[in-house]
N, C-alpha and C. Protein backbone atom coordinates (compact mmCIF):
# COMPACT_ATOMS: atom_id res chain seq x y z
N MET A 1 -6.75 -44.60 -45.59
CA MET A 1 -6.83 -45.65 -44.62
C MET A 1 -5.33 -45.97 -44.10
N LYS A 2 -5.24 -46.16 -42.84
CA LYS A 2 -3.92 -46.42 -42.30
C LYS A 2 -3.70 -47.91 -42.30
N THR A 3 -2.57 -48.34 -42.56
CA THR A 3 -2.20 -49.78 -42.64
C THR A 3 -1.35 -50.23 -41.42
N ILE A 4 -1.71 -51.36 -40.81
CA ILE A 4 -0.93 -51.99 -39.77
C ILE A 4 -0.54 -53.29 -40.24
N TYR A 5 0.55 -53.94 -39.78
CA TYR A 5 0.96 -55.30 -40.12
C TYR A 5 0.89 -56.18 -38.87
N PHE A 6 0.20 -57.36 -39.08
CA PHE A 6 0.06 -58.26 -38.01
C PHE A 6 1.01 -59.42 -38.20
N ILE A 7 1.71 -59.77 -37.18
CA ILE A 7 2.79 -60.84 -37.22
C ILE A 7 2.48 -61.93 -36.21
N TYR A 8 2.56 -63.14 -36.58
CA TYR A 8 2.59 -64.25 -35.71
C TYR A 8 3.91 -64.97 -35.77
N SER A 9 4.40 -65.30 -34.53
CA SER A 9 5.71 -66.01 -34.46
C SER A 9 5.65 -67.13 -33.55
N GLU A 10 6.33 -68.25 -33.86
CA GLU A 10 6.52 -69.41 -33.02
C GLU A 10 7.94 -69.54 -32.70
N GLY A 11 8.66 -68.41 -32.66
CA GLY A 11 10.10 -68.30 -32.51
C GLY A 11 10.55 -68.48 -31.07
N GLU A 12 11.68 -67.87 -30.83
CA GLU A 12 12.41 -67.99 -29.57
C GLU A 12 11.64 -67.49 -28.33
N CYS A 13 10.61 -66.71 -28.57
CA CYS A 13 9.79 -66.18 -27.43
C CYS A 13 8.47 -66.95 -27.34
N GLY A 14 8.32 -68.07 -27.90
CA GLY A 14 7.13 -68.86 -27.83
C GLY A 14 6.11 -68.34 -28.88
N GLU A 15 4.86 -68.61 -28.72
CA GLU A 15 3.84 -68.16 -29.66
C GLU A 15 3.37 -66.85 -29.26
N VAL A 16 3.71 -65.89 -30.13
CA VAL A 16 3.43 -64.48 -29.90
C VAL A 16 2.81 -63.76 -31.08
N ASN A 17 2.09 -62.75 -30.92
CA ASN A 17 1.56 -61.81 -31.95
C ASN A 17 2.16 -60.49 -31.72
N GLY A 18 2.35 -59.77 -32.82
CA GLY A 18 2.79 -58.40 -32.75
C GLY A 18 2.14 -57.53 -33.87
N VAL A 19 2.13 -56.29 -33.69
CA VAL A 19 1.55 -55.40 -34.67
C VAL A 19 2.55 -54.32 -34.86
N PHE A 20 2.67 -53.93 -36.16
CA PHE A 20 3.62 -52.88 -36.64
C PHE A 20 2.85 -51.82 -37.47
N ASP A 21 3.29 -50.59 -37.45
CA ASP A 21 2.71 -49.61 -38.34
C ASP A 21 3.45 -49.73 -39.67
N ALA A 22 3.04 -48.94 -40.62
CA ALA A 22 3.62 -48.95 -42.01
C ALA A 22 5.12 -48.53 -42.03
N GLU A 23 5.53 -47.84 -40.96
CA GLU A 23 6.98 -47.39 -40.85
C GLU A 23 7.82 -48.48 -40.12
N GLU A 24 7.19 -49.60 -39.84
CA GLU A 24 7.80 -50.78 -39.15
C GLU A 24 8.13 -50.46 -37.66
N ASN A 25 7.37 -49.52 -37.11
CA ASN A 25 7.51 -49.33 -35.60
C ASN A 25 6.49 -50.34 -34.92
N ILE A 26 6.99 -50.91 -33.81
CA ILE A 26 6.14 -51.95 -33.20
C ILE A 26 5.07 -51.13 -32.39
N LEU A 27 3.83 -51.51 -32.51
CA LEU A 27 2.71 -50.93 -31.77
C LEU A 27 2.31 -51.68 -30.58
N GLY A 28 2.57 -52.96 -30.54
CA GLY A 28 2.25 -53.81 -29.39
C GLY A 28 2.49 -55.32 -29.71
N TYR A 29 2.54 -56.11 -28.64
CA TYR A 29 2.76 -57.52 -28.77
C TYR A 29 2.17 -58.22 -27.54
N TRP A 30 1.88 -59.52 -27.74
CA TRP A 30 1.28 -60.30 -26.69
C TRP A 30 1.52 -61.78 -26.90
N SER A 31 1.43 -62.55 -25.82
CA SER A 31 1.54 -63.92 -25.85
C SER A 31 0.16 -64.57 -26.34
N CYS A 32 0.37 -65.60 -27.22
CA CYS A 32 -0.89 -66.26 -27.68
C CYS A 32 -1.60 -67.04 -26.57
N ASN A 33 -0.86 -67.20 -25.47
CA ASN A 33 -1.53 -67.89 -24.27
C ASN A 33 -2.59 -66.89 -23.66
N ASP A 34 -2.29 -65.58 -23.88
CA ASP A 34 -3.29 -64.63 -23.28
C ASP A 34 -4.38 -64.20 -24.26
N ALA A 35 -3.99 -64.04 -25.60
CA ALA A 35 -4.99 -63.54 -26.59
C ALA A 35 -4.42 -63.87 -27.98
N THR A 36 -5.26 -63.84 -28.89
CA THR A 36 -4.92 -64.04 -30.29
C THR A 36 -5.65 -63.02 -31.09
N TRP A 37 -5.03 -62.64 -32.21
CA TRP A 37 -5.66 -61.69 -33.20
C TRP A 37 -6.61 -62.56 -34.05
N ARG A 38 -7.83 -62.02 -34.23
CA ARG A 38 -8.73 -62.76 -35.07
C ARG A 38 -9.27 -61.70 -36.06
N ASN A 39 -8.56 -61.64 -37.23
CA ASN A 39 -8.97 -60.65 -38.21
C ASN A 39 -10.37 -60.80 -38.73
N GLU A 40 -10.87 -62.03 -38.79
CA GLU A 40 -12.24 -62.15 -39.22
C GLU A 40 -13.22 -61.57 -38.29
N TYR A 41 -12.88 -61.37 -37.01
CA TYR A 41 -13.80 -60.58 -36.01
C TYR A 41 -13.39 -59.14 -35.95
N PHE A 42 -12.16 -58.80 -36.03
CA PHE A 42 -11.70 -57.41 -35.78
C PHE A 42 -11.66 -56.49 -36.98
N SER A 43 -11.55 -57.06 -38.21
CA SER A 43 -11.41 -56.25 -39.35
C SER A 43 -12.55 -55.27 -39.58
N GLY A 44 -13.79 -55.66 -39.18
CA GLY A 44 -14.97 -54.80 -39.33
C GLY A 44 -14.84 -53.50 -38.61
N PHE A 45 -14.58 -53.62 -37.26
CA PHE A 45 -14.43 -52.31 -36.51
C PHE A 45 -13.16 -51.60 -36.83
N MET A 46 -12.10 -52.35 -37.19
CA MET A 46 -10.86 -51.67 -37.62
C MET A 46 -11.03 -50.85 -38.83
N ALA A 47 -11.84 -51.33 -39.79
CA ALA A 47 -12.11 -50.65 -41.04
C ALA A 47 -12.87 -49.35 -40.78
N LYS A 48 -13.79 -49.40 -39.70
CA LYS A 48 -14.51 -48.21 -39.31
C LYS A 48 -13.60 -47.14 -38.72
N LEU A 49 -12.50 -47.61 -38.11
CA LEU A 49 -11.52 -46.73 -37.58
C LEU A 49 -10.52 -46.22 -38.63
N LYS A 50 -10.71 -46.71 -39.86
CA LYS A 50 -9.86 -46.39 -41.01
C LYS A 50 -8.50 -47.11 -40.86
N ILE A 51 -8.48 -48.29 -40.39
CA ILE A 51 -7.28 -49.09 -40.19
C ILE A 51 -7.41 -50.37 -40.98
N LYS A 52 -6.49 -50.63 -41.85
CA LYS A 52 -6.42 -51.88 -42.59
C LYS A 52 -5.31 -52.78 -42.01
N CYS A 53 -5.62 -53.91 -41.51
CA CYS A 53 -4.69 -54.86 -40.98
C CYS A 53 -4.20 -55.91 -42.05
N VAL A 54 -2.92 -55.92 -42.28
CA VAL A 54 -2.44 -56.81 -43.31
C VAL A 54 -1.87 -58.07 -42.59
N GLU A 55 -2.37 -59.20 -42.91
CA GLU A 55 -1.84 -60.49 -42.38
C GLU A 55 -1.00 -61.14 -43.46
N ASP A 56 -1.56 -61.16 -44.66
CA ASP A 56 -0.81 -61.84 -45.82
C ASP A 56 0.15 -60.76 -46.49
N MET A 57 1.34 -61.01 -46.27
CA MET A 57 2.37 -60.06 -46.93
C MET A 57 3.47 -60.91 -47.42
N PRO A 58 4.30 -60.33 -48.34
CA PRO A 58 5.40 -61.07 -48.94
C PRO A 58 6.27 -61.70 -47.85
N ASP A 59 6.77 -62.88 -48.13
CA ASP A 59 7.59 -63.66 -47.10
C ASP A 59 8.72 -62.80 -46.59
N LYS A 60 9.38 -62.05 -47.50
CA LYS A 60 10.51 -61.30 -47.07
C LYS A 60 10.13 -60.26 -45.98
N LEU A 61 9.01 -59.59 -46.10
CA LEU A 61 8.57 -58.64 -45.16
C LEU A 61 8.07 -59.31 -43.86
N GLN A 62 7.40 -60.47 -44.02
CA GLN A 62 7.01 -61.17 -42.93
C GLN A 62 8.19 -61.72 -42.03
N GLN A 63 9.23 -62.17 -42.70
CA GLN A 63 10.42 -62.65 -41.89
C GLN A 63 11.13 -61.40 -41.31
N HIS A 64 11.21 -60.34 -41.91
CA HIS A 64 11.86 -59.13 -41.47
C HIS A 64 11.16 -58.63 -40.18
N LEU A 65 9.82 -58.57 -40.29
CA LEU A 65 9.07 -58.02 -39.10
C LEU A 65 9.09 -59.00 -37.98
N GLU A 66 9.13 -60.31 -38.27
CA GLU A 66 9.15 -61.30 -37.19
C GLU A 66 10.52 -61.23 -36.48
N LYS A 67 11.57 -60.98 -37.22
CA LYS A 67 12.86 -60.75 -36.52
C LYS A 67 12.86 -59.57 -35.65
N LYS A 68 12.22 -58.40 -36.13
CA LYS A 68 12.16 -57.22 -35.30
C LYS A 68 11.29 -57.46 -34.09
N LEU A 69 10.25 -58.26 -34.21
CA LEU A 69 9.38 -58.48 -33.11
C LEU A 69 10.14 -59.30 -32.04
N ILE A 70 10.80 -60.27 -32.42
CA ILE A 70 11.54 -61.15 -31.48
C ILE A 70 12.66 -60.30 -30.79
N ALA A 71 13.38 -59.55 -31.58
CA ALA A 71 14.44 -58.70 -30.99
C ALA A 71 13.87 -57.69 -30.00
N HIS A 72 12.76 -57.09 -30.34
CA HIS A 72 12.12 -56.22 -29.38
C HIS A 72 11.69 -56.93 -28.07
N MET A 73 11.11 -58.06 -28.24
CA MET A 73 10.56 -58.74 -27.06
C MET A 73 11.81 -59.21 -26.18
N LYS A 74 12.89 -59.61 -26.79
CA LYS A 74 14.08 -59.96 -25.98
C LYS A 74 14.65 -58.82 -25.21
N LYS A 75 14.70 -57.64 -25.93
CA LYS A 75 15.15 -56.42 -25.29
C LYS A 75 14.30 -56.04 -24.14
N GLU A 76 12.99 -56.25 -24.18
CA GLU A 76 12.06 -56.04 -23.15
C GLU A 76 12.04 -57.08 -22.02
N GLY A 77 12.84 -58.16 -22.17
CA GLY A 77 13.04 -59.16 -21.15
C GLY A 77 11.93 -60.26 -21.21
N TRP A 78 11.48 -60.43 -22.38
CA TRP A 78 10.38 -61.43 -22.57
C TRP A 78 10.90 -62.86 -22.27
C-alpha cells in the first residue's frame, strides 16, 4: 500500500490543505474555501486504490510538512 500524508494549515497562506507522498514530494494543495479533505469519506476508495492517507502523524513531521507546504505555495505565488 502506498502512503500519502495529508496536511492542514492555518498559516500565512490562509486555510489550506496539501498532500505529500512518502518521500515528502508535494502532490497537490488547495484552499479550504474551495474544498476540504474528508478522510471519513475518501479513505474507502483510496484504500481500493492501494493508498493509505495519514492524517495523524508525529508533531515534528506535521510541522515539517506544513512548512514545506507554505514555502511551496509562496513560491507558486499563492
